[in-house]
Amino acid sequence: REFVAAISASGIRTLYADSVKGRFTISRDNAKNTVYLQM
């Protein structure tokens, strides 16, 4: 299992694996208790 992306609790900070950087986007909606990965 390998890391793809991460996002902080507030959603301000993100981190990506080099292999997906520029193609994938992580985001979250705390009001909906949901995290997303746009690929």
PDB file of all heavy atoms in Angstrom:
ATOM      1  N   ARG A   1       0.854  -1.180   0.000  1.00  0.00           N
ATOM      2  CA  ARG A   1       0.000   0.000   0.000  1.00  0.00           C
ATOM      3  C   ARG A   1       0.899   1.242   0.000  1.00  0.00           C
ATOM      4  O   ARG A   1       1.838   1.345   0.781  1.00  0.00           O
ATOM      5  CB  ARG A   1      -0.900  -0.019   1.235  1.00  0.00           C
ATOM      6  CG  ARG A   1      -2.020   0.981   1.206  1.00  0.00           C
ATOM      7  CD  ARG A   1      -3.050   0.693   2.278  1.00  0.00           C
ATOM      8  NE  ARG A   1      -3.704  -0.600   2.075  1.00  0.00           N
ATOM      9  CZ  ARG A   1      -4.778  -0.993   2.757  1.00  0.00           C
ATOM     10  NH1 ARG A   1      -5.296  -0.216   3.689  1.00  0.00           N
ATOM     11  NH2 ARG A   1      -5.301  -2.181   2.523  1.00  0.00           N
ATOM     12  N   GLU A   2       0.582   2.201  -0.869  1.00  0.00           N
ATOM     13  CA  GLU A   2       1.410   3.389  -0.995  1.00  0.00           C
ATOM     14  C   GLU A   2       0.603   4.663  -0.825  1.00  0.00           C
ATOM     15  O   GLU A   2      -0.574   4.738  -1.154  1.00  0.00           O
ATOM     16  CB  GLU A   2       2.123   3.408  -2.352  1.00  0.00           C
ATOM     17  CG  GLU A   2       1.218   3.559  -3.557  1.00  0.00           C
ATOM     18  CD  GLU A   2       1.990   3.722  -4.861  1.00  0.00           C
ATOM     19  OE1 GLU A   2       3.230   3.641  -4.858  1.00  0.00           O
ATOM     20  OE2 GLU A   2       1.331   3.948  -5.896  1.00  0.00           O
ATOM     21  N   PHE A   3       1.300   5.668  -0.335  1.00  0.00           N
ATOM     22  CA  PHE A   3       0.707   6.986  -0.095  1.00  0.00           C
ATOM     23  C   PHE A   3       0.378   7.668  -1.415  1.00  0.00           C
ATOM     24  O   PHE A   3       1.150   7.614  -2.373  1.00  0.00           O
ATOM     25  CB  PHE A   3       1.693   7.830   0.704  1.00  0.00           C
ATOM     26  CG  PHE A   3       1.317   9.268   0.844  1.00  0.00           C
ATOM     27  CD1 PHE A   3       0.334   9.655   1.732  1.00  0.00           C
ATOM     28  CD2 PHE A   3       1.939  10.238   0.076  1.00  0.00           C
ATOM     29  CE1 PHE A   3      -0.018  10.983   1.860  1.00  0.00           C
ATOM     30  CE2 PHE A   3       1.606  11.563   0.189  1.00  0.00           C
ATOM     31  CZ  PHE A   3       0.625  11.945   1.092  1.00  0.00           C
ATOM     32  N   VAL A   4      -0.777   8.353  -1.430  1.00  0.00           N
ATOM     33  CA  VAL A   4      -1.186   9.138  -2.595  1.00  0.00           C
ATOM     34  C   VAL A   4      -1.263  10.619  -2.254  1.00  0.00           C
ATOM     35  O   VAL A   4      -0.640  11.457  -2.908  1.00  0.00           O
ATOM     36  CB  VAL A   4      -2.539   8.646  -3.145  1.00  0.00           C
ATOM     37  CG1 VAL A   4      -3.012   9.542  -4.284  1.00  0.00           C
ATOM     38  CG2 VAL A   4      -2.442   7.192  -3.603  1.00  0.00           C
ATOM     39  N   ALA A   5      -2.041  10.950  -1.220  1.00  0.00           N
ATOM     40  CA  ALA A   5      -2.243  12.347  -0.869  1.00  0.00           C
ATOM     41  C   ALA A   5      -2.758  12.448   0.553  1.00  0.00           C
ATOM     42  O   ALA A   5      -3.318  11.485   1.085  1.00  0.00           O
ATOM     43  CB  ALA A   5      -3.231  13.012  -1.830  1.00  0.00           C
ATOM     44  N   ALA A   6      -2.563  13.611   1.160  1.00  0.00           N
ATOM     45  CA  ALA A   6      -3.068  13.855   2.508  1.00  0.00           C
ATOM     46  C   ALA A   6      -3.503  15.305   2.625  1.00  0.00           C
ATOM     47  O   ALA A   6      -3.028  16.185   1.881  1.00  0.00           O
ATOM     48  CB  ALA A   6      -2.007  13.543   3.557  1.00  0.00           C
ATOM     49  N   ILE A   7      -4.401  15.560   3.574  1.00  0.00           N
ATOM     50  CA  ILE A   7      -4.908  16.907   3.800  1.00  0.00           C
ATOM     51  C   ILE A   7      -5.061  17.117   5.296  1.00  0.00           C
ATOM     52  O   ILE A   7      -5.450  16.195   6.028  1.00  0.00           O
ATOM     53  CB  ILE A   7      -6.232  17.128   3.047  1.00  0.00           C
ATOM     54  CG1 ILE A   7      -6.664  18.580   3.104  1.00  0.00           C
ATOM     55  CG2 ILE A   7      -7.332  16.196   3.569  1.00  0.00           C
ATOM     56  CD1 ILE A   7      -7.791  18.913   2.099  1.00  0.00           C
ATOM     57  N   SER A   8      -4.759  18.311   5.751  1.00  0.00           N
ATOM     58  CA  SER A   8      -4.853  18.600   7.171  1.00  0.00           C
ATOM     59  C   SER A   8      -6.307  18.696   7.619  1.00  0.00           C
ATOM     60  O   SER A   8      -7.223  18.813   6.797  1.00  0.00           O
ATOM     61  CB  SER A   8      -4.124  19.906   7.482  1.00  0.00           C
ATOM     62  OG  SER A   8      -4.719  20.989   6.788  1.00  0.00           O
ATOM     63  N   ALA A   9      -6.502  18.679   8.938  1.00  0.00           N
ATOM     64  CA  ALA A   9      -7.846  18.709   9.494  1.00  0.00           C
ATOM     65  C   ALA A   9      -8.630  19.943   9.045  1.00  0.00           C
ATOM     66  O   ALA A   9      -9.835  19.866   8.787  1.00  0.00           O
ATOM     67  CB  ALA A   9      -7.760  18.658  11.016  1.00  0.00           C
ATOM     68  N   SER A  10      -7.946  21.065   8.924  1.00  0.00           N
ATOM     69  CA  SER A  10      -8.596  22.308   8.508  1.00  0.00           C
ATOM     70  C   SER A  10      -8.747  22.411   6.996  1.00  0.00           C
ATOM     71  O   SER A  10      -9.482  23.246   6.502  1.00  0.00           O
ATOM     72  CB  SER A  10      -7.778  23.502   8.995  1.00  0.00           C
ATOM     73  OG  SER A  10      -6.511  23.513   8.352  1.00  0.00           O
ATOM     74  N   GLY A  11      -8.003  21.578   6.274  1.00  0.00           N
ATOM     75  CA  GLY A  11      -8.018  21.633   4.819  1.00  0.00           C
ATOM     76  C   GLY A  11      -7.013  22.597   4.217  1.00  0.00           C
ATOM     77  O   GLY A  11      -6.916  22.712   2.993  1.00  0.00           O
ATOM     78  N   ILE A  12      -6.236  23.268   5.052  1.00  0.00           N
ATOM     79  CA  ILE A  12      -5.304  24.279   4.562  1.00  0.00           C
ATOM     80  C   ILE A  12      -4.067  23.647   3.937  1.00  0.00           C
ATOM     81  O   ILE A  12      -3.550  24.119   2.920  1.00  0.00           O
ATOM     82  CB  ILE A  12      -4.918  25.231   5.711  1.00  0.00           C
ATOM     83  CG1 ILE A  12      -6.129  26.062   6.133  1.00  0.00           C
ATOM     84  CG2 ILE A  12      -3.751  26.134   5.299  1.00  0.00           C
ATOM     85  CD1 ILE A  12      -5.869  26.957   7.315  1.00  0.00           C
ATOM     86  N   ARG A  13      -3.568  22.586   4.558  1.00  0.00           N
ATOM     87  CA  ARG A  13      -2.329  21.967   4.078  1.00  0.00           C
ATOM     88  C   ARG A  13      -2.623  20.673   3.325  1.00  0.00           C
ATOM     89  O   ARG A  13      -3.479  19.902   3.715  1.00  0.00           O
ATOM     90  CB  ARG A  13      -1.402  21.662   5.268  1.00  0.00           C
ATOM     91  CG  ARG A  13      -0.859  22.898   5.964  1.00  0.00           C
ATOM     92  CD  ARG A  13       0.045  22.519   7.119  1.00  0.00           C
ATOM     93  NE  ARG A  13      -0.723  21.927   8.204  1.00  0.00           N
ATOM     94  CZ  ARG A  13      -0.451  20.760   8.759  1.00  0.00           C
ATOM     95  NH1 ARG A  13       0.564  20.030   8.308  1.00  0.00           N
ATOM     96  NH2 ARG A  13      -1.185  20.303   9.767  1.00  0.00           N
ATOM     97  N   THR A  14      -1.894  20.461   2.230  1.00  0.00           N
ATOM     98  CA  THR A  14      -2.000  19.227   1.457  1.00  0.00           C
ATOM     99  C   THR A  14      -0.610  18.703   1.122  1.00  0.00           C
ATOM    100  O   THR A  14       0.380  19.444   1.150  1.00  0.00           O
ATOM    101  CB  THR A  14      -2.782  19.434   0.148  1.00  0.00           C
ATOM    102  OG1 THR A  14      -2.141  20.443  -0.636  1.00  0.00           O
ATOM    103  CG2 THR A  14      -4.221  19.839   0.418  1.00  0.00           C
ATOM    104  N   LEU A  15      -0.560  17.422   0.797  1.00  0.00           N
ATOM    105  CA  LEU A  15       0.700  16.763   0.461  1.00  0.00           C
ATOM    106  C   LEU A  15       0.388  15.694  -0.569  1.00  0.00           C
ATOM    107  O   LEU A  15      -0.630  15.012  -0.459  1.00  0.00           O
ATOM    108  CB  LEU A  15       1.316  16.139   1.717  1.00  0.00           C
ATOM    109  CG  LEU A  15       2.669  15.460   1.581  1.00  0.00           C
ATOM    110  CD1 LEU A  15       3.743  16.484   1.239  1.00  0.00           C
ATOM    111  CD2 LEU A  15       3.025  14.732   2.877  1.00  0.00           C
ATOM    112  N   TYR A  16       1.282  15.546  -1.562  1.00  0.00           N
ATOM    113  CA  TYR A  16       1.043  14.588  -2.641  1.00  0.00           C
ATOM    114  C   TYR A  16       2.282  13.740  -2.902  1.00  0.00           C
ATOM    115  O   TYR A  16       3.419  14.208  -2.772  1.00  0.00           O
ATOM    116  CB  TYR A  16       0.684  15.313  -3.934  1.00  0.00           C
ATOM    117  CG  TYR A  16      -0.617  16.077  -3.876  1.00  0.00           C
ATOM    118  CD1 TYR A  16      -0.635  17.425  -3.539  1.00  0.00           C
ATOM    119  CD2 TYR A  16      -1.827  15.447  -4.160  1.00  0.00           C
ATOM    120  CE1 TYR A  16      -1.820  18.131  -3.473  1.00  0.00           C
ATOM    121  CE2 TYR A  16      -3.016  16.147  -4.106  1.00  0.00           C
ATOM    122  CZ  TYR A  16      -3.010  17.485  -3.751  1.00  0.00           C
ATOM    123  OH  TYR A  16      -4.192  18.184  -3.695  1.00  0.00           O
ATOM    124  N   ALA A  17       2.040  12.509  -3.330  1.00  0.00           N
ATOM    125  CA  ALA A  17       3.127  11.698  -3.849  1.00  0.00           C
ATOM    126  C   ALA A  17       3.575  12.293  -5.179  1.00  0.00           C
ATOM    127  O   ALA A  17       2.755  12.854  -5.928  1.00  0.00           O
ATOM    128  CB  ALA A  17       2.664  10.259  -4.053  1.00  0.00           C
ATOM    129  N   ASP A  18       4.859  12.168  -5.477  1.00  0.00           N
ATOM    130  CA  ASP A  18       5.384  12.722  -6.724  1.00  0.00           C
ATOM    131  C   ASP A  18       4.666  12.142  -7.945  1.00  0.00           C
ATOM    132  O   ASP A  18       4.483  12.836  -8.952  1.00  0.00           O
ATOM    133  CB  ASP A  18       6.885  12.446  -6.830  1.00  0.00           C
ATOM    134  CG  ASP A  18       7.702  13.296  -5.873  1.00  0.00           C
ATOM    135  OD1 ASP A  18       7.170  14.301  -5.360  1.00  0.00           O
ATOM    136  OD2 ASP A  18       8.869  12.946  -5.634  1.00  0.00           O
ATOM    137  N   SER A  19       4.259  10.901  -7.850  1.00  0.00           N
ATOM    138  CA  SER A  19       3.658  10.224  -8.997  1.00  0.00           C
ATOM    139  C   SER A  19       2.293  10.781  -9.383  1.00  0.00           C
ATOM    140  O   SER A  19       1.830  10.554 -10.505  1.00  0.00           O
ATOM    141  CB  SER A  19       3.534   8.725  -8.711  1.00  0.00           C
ATOM    142  OG  SER A  19       2.733   8.499  -7.560  1.00  0.00           O
ATOM    143  N   VAL A  20       1.636  11.518  -8.483  1.00  0.00           N
ATOM    144  CA  VAL A  20       0.301  12.042  -8.774  1.00  0.00           C
ATOM    145  C   VAL A  20       0.261  13.564  -8.751  1.00  0.00           C
ATOM    146  O   VAL A  20      -0.786  14.154  -9.088  1.00  0.00           O
ATOM    147  CB  VAL A  20      -0.751  11.480  -7.793  1.00  0.00           C
ATOM    148  CG1 VAL A  20      -0.708   9.963  -7.780  1.00  0.00           C
ATOM    149  CG2 VAL A  20      -0.576  12.051  -6.395  1.00  0.00           C
ATOM    150  N   LYS A  21       1.352  14.181  -8.380  1.00  0.00           N
ATOM    151  CA  LYS A  21       1.375  15.645  -8.263  1.00  0.00           C
ATOM    152  C   LYS A  21       1.039  16.286  -9.604  1.00  0.00           C
ATOM    153  O   LYS A  21       1.575  15.898 -10.644  1.00  0.00           O
ATOM    154  CB  LYS A  21       2.754  16.086  -7.778  1.00  0.00           C
ATOM    155  CG  LYS A  21       2.801  17.430  -7.122  1.00  0.00           C
ATOM    156  CD  LYS A  21       4.184  17.691  -6.518  1.00  0.00           C
ATOM    157  CE  LYS A  21       4.481  16.757  -5.375  1.00  0.00           C
ATOM    158  NZ  LYS A  21       5.781  17.055  -4.728  1.00  0.00           N
ATOM    159  N   GLY A  22       0.121  17.247  -9.580  1.00  0.00           N
ATOM    160  CA  GLY A  22      -0.300  17.924 -10.790  1.00  0.00           C
ATOM    161  C   GLY A  22      -1.462  17.254 -11.492  1.00  0.00           C
ATOM    162  O   GLY A  22      -2.063  17.834 -12.393  1.00  0.00           O
ATOM    163  N   ARG A  23      -1.790  16.026 -11.111  1.00  0.00           N
ATOM    164  CA  ARG A  23      -2.907  15.298 -11.718  1.00  0.00           C
ATOM    165  C   ARG A  23      -4.039  15.051 -10.722  1.00  0.00           C
ATOM    166  O   ARG A  23      -5.213  15.042 -11.113  1.00  0.00           O
ATOM    167  CB  ARG A  23      -2.424  13.954 -12.262  1.00  0.00           C
ATOM    168  CG  ARG A  23      -1.369  14.062 -13.341  1.00  0.00           C
ATOM    169  CD  ARG A  23      -1.076  12.699 -13.968  1.00  0.00           C
ATOM    170  NE  ARG A  23      -0.548  11.735 -13.000  1.00  0.00           N
ATOM    171  CZ  ARG A  23      -1.127  10.562 -12.748  1.00  0.00           C
ATOM    172  NH1 ARG A  23      -2.240  10.201 -13.368  1.00  0.00           N
ATOM    173  NH2 ARG A  23      -0.583   9.736 -11.854  1.00  0.00           N
ATOM    174  N   PHE A  24      -3.713  14.807  -9.471  1.00  0.00           N
ATOM    175  CA  PHE A  24      -4.709  14.518  -8.440  1.00  0.00           C
ATOM    176  C   PHE A  24      -4.838  15.719  -7.499  1.00  0.00           C
ATOM    177  O   PHE A  24      -3.860  16.418  -7.222  1.00  0.00           O
ATOM    178  CB  PHE A  24      -4.286  13.303  -7.617  1.00  0.00           C
ATOM    179  CG  PHE A  24      -4.329  11.983  -8.347  1.00  0.00           C
ATOM    180  CD1 PHE A  24      -4.505  11.907  -9.723  1.00  0.00           C
ATOM    181  CD2 PHE A  24      -4.186  10.801  -7.644  1.00  0.00           C
ATOM    182  CE1 PHE A  24      -4.537  10.690 -10.384  1.00  0.00           C
ATOM    183  CE2 PHE A  24      -4.213   9.572  -8.269  1.00  0.00           C
ATOM    184  CZ  PHE A  24      -4.379   9.527  -9.654  1.00  0.00           C
ATOM    185  N   THR A  25      -6.053  15.901  -6.963  1.00  0.00           N
ATOM    186  CA  THR A  25      -6.302  16.949  -5.985  1.00  0.00           C
ATOM    187  C   THR A  25      -7.121  16.388  -4.832  1.00  0.00           C
ATOM    188  O   THR A  25      -8.196  15.818  -5.058  1.00  0.00           O
ATOM    189  CB  THR A  25      -7.060  18.128  -6.621  1.00  0.00           C
ATOM    190  OG1 THR A  25      -6.306  18.643  -7.724  1.00  0.00           O
ATOM    191  CG2 THR A  25      -7.272  19.240  -5.599  1.00  0.00           C
ATOM    192  N   ILE A  26      -6.611  16.580  -3.633  1.00  0.00           N
ATOM    193  CA  ILE A  26      -7.348  16.168  -2.435  1.00  0.00           C
ATOM    194  C   ILE A  26      -8.050  17.382  -1.848  1.00  0.00           C
ATOM    195  O   ILE A  26      -7.498  18.495  -1.847  1.00  0.00           O
ATOM    196  CB  ILE A  26      -6.410  15.502  -1.402  1.00  0.00           C
ATOM    197  CG1 ILE A  26      -7.206  14.891  -0.252  1.00  0.00           C
ATOM    198  CG2 ILE A  26      -5.353  16.483  -0.890  1.00  0.00           C
ATOM    199  CD1 ILE A  26      -6.364  14.028   0.678  1.00  0.00           C
ATOM    200  N   SER A  27      -9.264  17.193  -1.362  1.00  0.00           N
ATOM    201  CA  SER A  27     -10.012  18.275  -0.733  1.00  0.00           C
ATOM    202  C   SER A  27     -10.946  17.663   0.303  1.00  0.00           C
ATOM    203  O   SER A  27     -11.095  16.443   0.371  1.00  0.00           O
ATOM    204  CB  SER A  27     -10.802  19.071  -1.779  1.00  0.00           C
ATOM    205  OG  SER A  27     -11.756  18.233  -2.425  1.00  0.00           O
ATOM    206  N   ARG A  28     -11.554  18.509   1.101  1.00  0.00           N
ATOM    207  CA  ARG A  28     -12.470  18.016   2.117  1.00  0.00           C
ATOM    208  C   ARG A  28     -13.562  19.038   2.379  1.00  0.00           C
ATOM    209  O   ARG A  28     -13.375  20.245   2.165  1.00  0.00           O
ATOM    210  CB  ARG A  28     -11.724  17.681   3.413  1.00  0.00           C
ATOM    211  CG  ARG A  28     -11.120  18.863   4.137  1.00  0.00           C
ATOM    212  CD  ARG A  28     -10.206  18.400   5.269  1.00  0.00           C
ATOM    213  NE  ARG A  28     -10.949  17.719   6.322  1.00  0.00           N
ATOM    214  CZ  ARG A  28     -10.387  16.920   7.229  1.00  0.00           C
ATOM    215  NH1 ARG A  28      -9.082  16.696   7.194  1.00  0.00           N
ATOM    216  NH2 ARG A  28     -11.123  16.345   8.166  1.00  0.00           N
ATOM    217  N   ASP A  29     -14.692  18.543   2.854  1.00  0.00           N
ATOM    218  CA  ASP A  29     -15.818  19.375   3.262  1.00  0.00           C
ATOM    219  C   ASP A  29     -16.176  18.923   4.671  1.00  0.00           C
ATOM    220  O   ASP A  29     -16.841  17.891   4.848  1.00  0.00           O
ATOM    221  CB  ASP A  29     -16.988  19.198   2.291  1.00  0.00           C
ATOM    222  CG  ASP A  29     -18.141  20.129   2.593  1.00  0.00           C
ATOM    223  OD1 ASP A  29     -18.251  20.590   3.742  1.00  0.00           O
ATOM    224  OD2 ASP A  29     -18.946  20.370   1.684  1.00  0.00           O
ATOM    225  N   ASN A  30     -15.735  19.673   5.664  1.00  0.00           N
ATOM    226  CA  ASN A  30     -15.964  19.255   7.050  1.00  0.00           C
ATOM    227  C   ASN A  30     -17.437  19.309   7.431  1.00  0.00           C
ATOM    228  O   ASN A  30     -17.875  18.596   8.326  1.00  0.00           O
ATOM    229  CB  ASN A  30     -15.117  20.099   7.998  1.00  0.00           C
ATOM    230  CG  ASN A  30     -13.649  19.696   7.964  1.00  0.00           C
ATOM    231  OD1 ASN A  30     -13.283  18.655   7.412  1.00  0.00           O
ATOM    232  ND2 ASN A  30     -12.789  20.530   8.528  1.00  0.00           N
ATOM    233  N   ALA A  31     -18.201  20.145   6.758  1.00  0.00           N
ATOM    234  CA  ALA A  31     -19.641  20.210   7.045  1.00  0.00           C
ATOM    235  C   ALA A  31     -20.350  18.932   6.596  1.00  0.00           C
ATOM    236  O   ALA A  31     -21.391  18.566   7.151  1.00  0.00           O
ATOM    237  CB  ALA A  31     -20.263  21.417   6.363  1.00  0.00           C
ATOM    238  N   LYS A  32     -19.757  18.259   5.608  1.00  0.00           N
ATOM    239  CA  LYS A  32     -20.339  17.020   5.084  1.00  0.00           C
ATOM    240  C   LYS A  32     -19.580  15.781   5.541  1.00  0.00           C
ATOM    241  O   LYS A  32     -19.897  14.667   5.115  1.00  0.00           O
ATOM    242  CB  LYS A  32     -20.372  17.061   3.555  1.00  0.00           C
ATOM    243  CG  LYS A  32     -21.279  18.128   2.984  1.00  0.00           C
ATOM    244  CD  LYS A  32     -21.302  18.073   1.456  1.00  0.00           C
ATOM    245  CE  LYS A  32     -22.255  19.116   0.886  1.00  0.00           C
ATOM    246  NZ  LYS A  32     -22.296  19.076  -0.603  1.00  0.00           N
ATOM    247  N   ASN A  33     -18.566  15.976   6.374  1.00  0.00           N
ATOM    248  CA  ASN A  33     -17.760  14.842   6.854  1.00  0.00           C
ATOM    249  C   ASN A  33     -17.218  14.010   5.703  1.00  0.00           C
ATOM    250  O   ASN A  33     -17.249  12.767   5.747  1.00  0.00           O
ATOM    251  CB  ASN A  33     -18.565  13.946   7.803  1.00  0.00           C
ATOM    252  CG  ASN A  33     -18.671  14.508   9.207  1.00  0.00           C
ATOM    253  OD1 ASN A  33     -18.364  15.675   9.439  1.00  0.00           O
ATOM    254  ND2 ASN A  33     -19.120  13.696  10.135  1.00  0.00           N
ATOM    255  N   THR A  34     -16.728  14.676   4.666  1.00  0.00           N
ATOM    256  CA  THR A  34     -16.314  13.964   3.464  1.00  0.00           C
ATOM    257  C   THR A  34     -14.976  14.494   2.960  1.00  0.00           C
ATOM    258  O   THR A  34     -14.734  15.706   2.981  1.00  0.00           O
ATOM    259  CB  THR A  34     -17.373  14.104   2.358  1.00  0.00           C
ATOM    260  OG1 THR A  34     -18.617  13.586   2.837  1.00  0.00           O
ATOM    261  CG2 THR A  34     -16.965  13.330   1.111  1.00  0.00           C
ATOM    262  N   VAL A  35     -14.142  13.576   2.499  1.00  0.00           N
ATOM    263  CA  VAL A  35     -12.892  13.937   1.834  1.00  0.00           C
ATOM    264  C   VAL A  35     -12.958  13.397   0.409  1.00  0.00           C
ATOM    265  O   VAL A  35     -13.560  12.348   0.163  1.00  0.00           O
ATOM    266  CB  VAL A  35     -11.665  13.397   2.604  1.00  0.00           C
ATOM    267  CG1 VAL A  35     -11.684  11.877   2.671  1.00  0.00           C
ATOM    268  CG2 VAL A  35     -10.371  13.887   1.994  1.00  0.00           C
ATOM    269  N   TYR A  36     -12.360  14.137  -0.508  1.00  0.00           N
ATOM    270  CA  TYR A  36     -12.435  13.805  -1.926  1.00  0.00           C
ATOM    271  C   TYR A  36     -11.037  13.616  -2.516  1.00  0.00           C
ATOM    272  O   TYR A  36     -10.060  14.177  -2.029  1.00  0.00           O
ATOM    273  CB  TYR A  36     -13.138  14.909  -2.702  1.00  0.00           C
ATOM    274  CG  TYR A  36     -14.506  15.261  -2.179  1.00  0.00           C
ATOM    275  CD1 TYR A  36     -14.681  16.345  -1.312  1.00  0.00           C
ATOM    276  CD2 TYR A  36     -15.622  14.523  -2.549  1.00  0.00           C
ATOM    277  CE1 TYR A  36     -15.931  16.676  -0.827  1.00  0.00           C
ATOM    278  CE2 TYR A  36     -16.881  14.844  -2.069  1.00  0.00           C
ATOM    279  CZ  TYR A  36     -17.024  15.922  -1.208  1.00  0.00           C
ATOM    280  OH  TYR A  36     -18.268  16.242  -0.727  1.00  0.00           O
ATOM    281  N   LEU A  37     -10.988  12.872  -3.600  1.00  0.00           N
ATOM    282  CA  LEU A  37      -9.777  12.779  -4.397  1.00  0.00           C
ATOM    283  C   LEU A  37     -10.173  12.904  -5.862  1.00  0.00           C
ATOM    284  O   LEU A  37     -10.772  11.988  -6.424  1.00  0.00           O
ATOM    285  CB  LEU A  37      -9.036  11.463  -4.156  1.00  0.00           C
ATOM    286  CG  LEU A  37      -7.677  11.350  -4.858  1.00  0.00           C
ATOM    287  CD1 LEU A  37      -6.675  12.328  -4.253  1.00  0.00           C
ATOM    288  CD2 LEU A  37      -7.128   9.918  -4.796  1.00  0.00           C
ATOM    289  N   GLN A  38      -9.883  14.054  -6.439  1.00  0.00           N
ATOM    290  CA  GLN A  38     -10.131  14.274  -7.864  1.00  0.00           C
ATOM    291  C   GLN A  38      -8.927  13.769  -8.635  1.00  0.00           C
ATOM    292  O   GLN A  38      -7.802  14.232  -8.411  1.00  0.00           O
ATOM    293  CB  GLN A  38     -10.356  15.760  -8.144  1.00  0.00           C
ATOM    294  CG  GLN A  38     -10.555  16.093  -9.611  1.00  0.00           C
ATOM    295  CD  GLN A  38     -11.845  15.522 -10.177  1.00  0.00           C
ATOM    296  OE1 GLN A  38     -12.898  15.601  -9.542  1.00  0.00           O
ATOM    297  NE2 GLN A  38     -11.782  14.952 -11.374  1.00  0.00           N
ATOM    298  N   MET A  39      -9.164  12.838  -9.544  1.00  0.00           N
ATOM    299  CA  MET A  39      -8.075  12.219 -10.295  1.00  0.00           C
ATOM    300  C   MET A  39      -8.259  12.528 -11.777  1.00  0.00           C
ATOM    301  O   MET A  39      -9.255  12.110 -12.379  1.00  0.00           O
ATOM    302  CB  MET A  39      -8.071  10.707 -10.064  1.00  0.00           C
ATOM    303  CG  MET A  39      -8.000  10.328  -8.595  1.00  0.00           C
ATOM    304  SD  MET A  39      -7.854   8.549  -8.348  1.00  0.00           S
ATOM    305  CE  MET A  39      -9.436   8.012  -9.000  1.00  0.00           C
TER     306      MET A  39
END
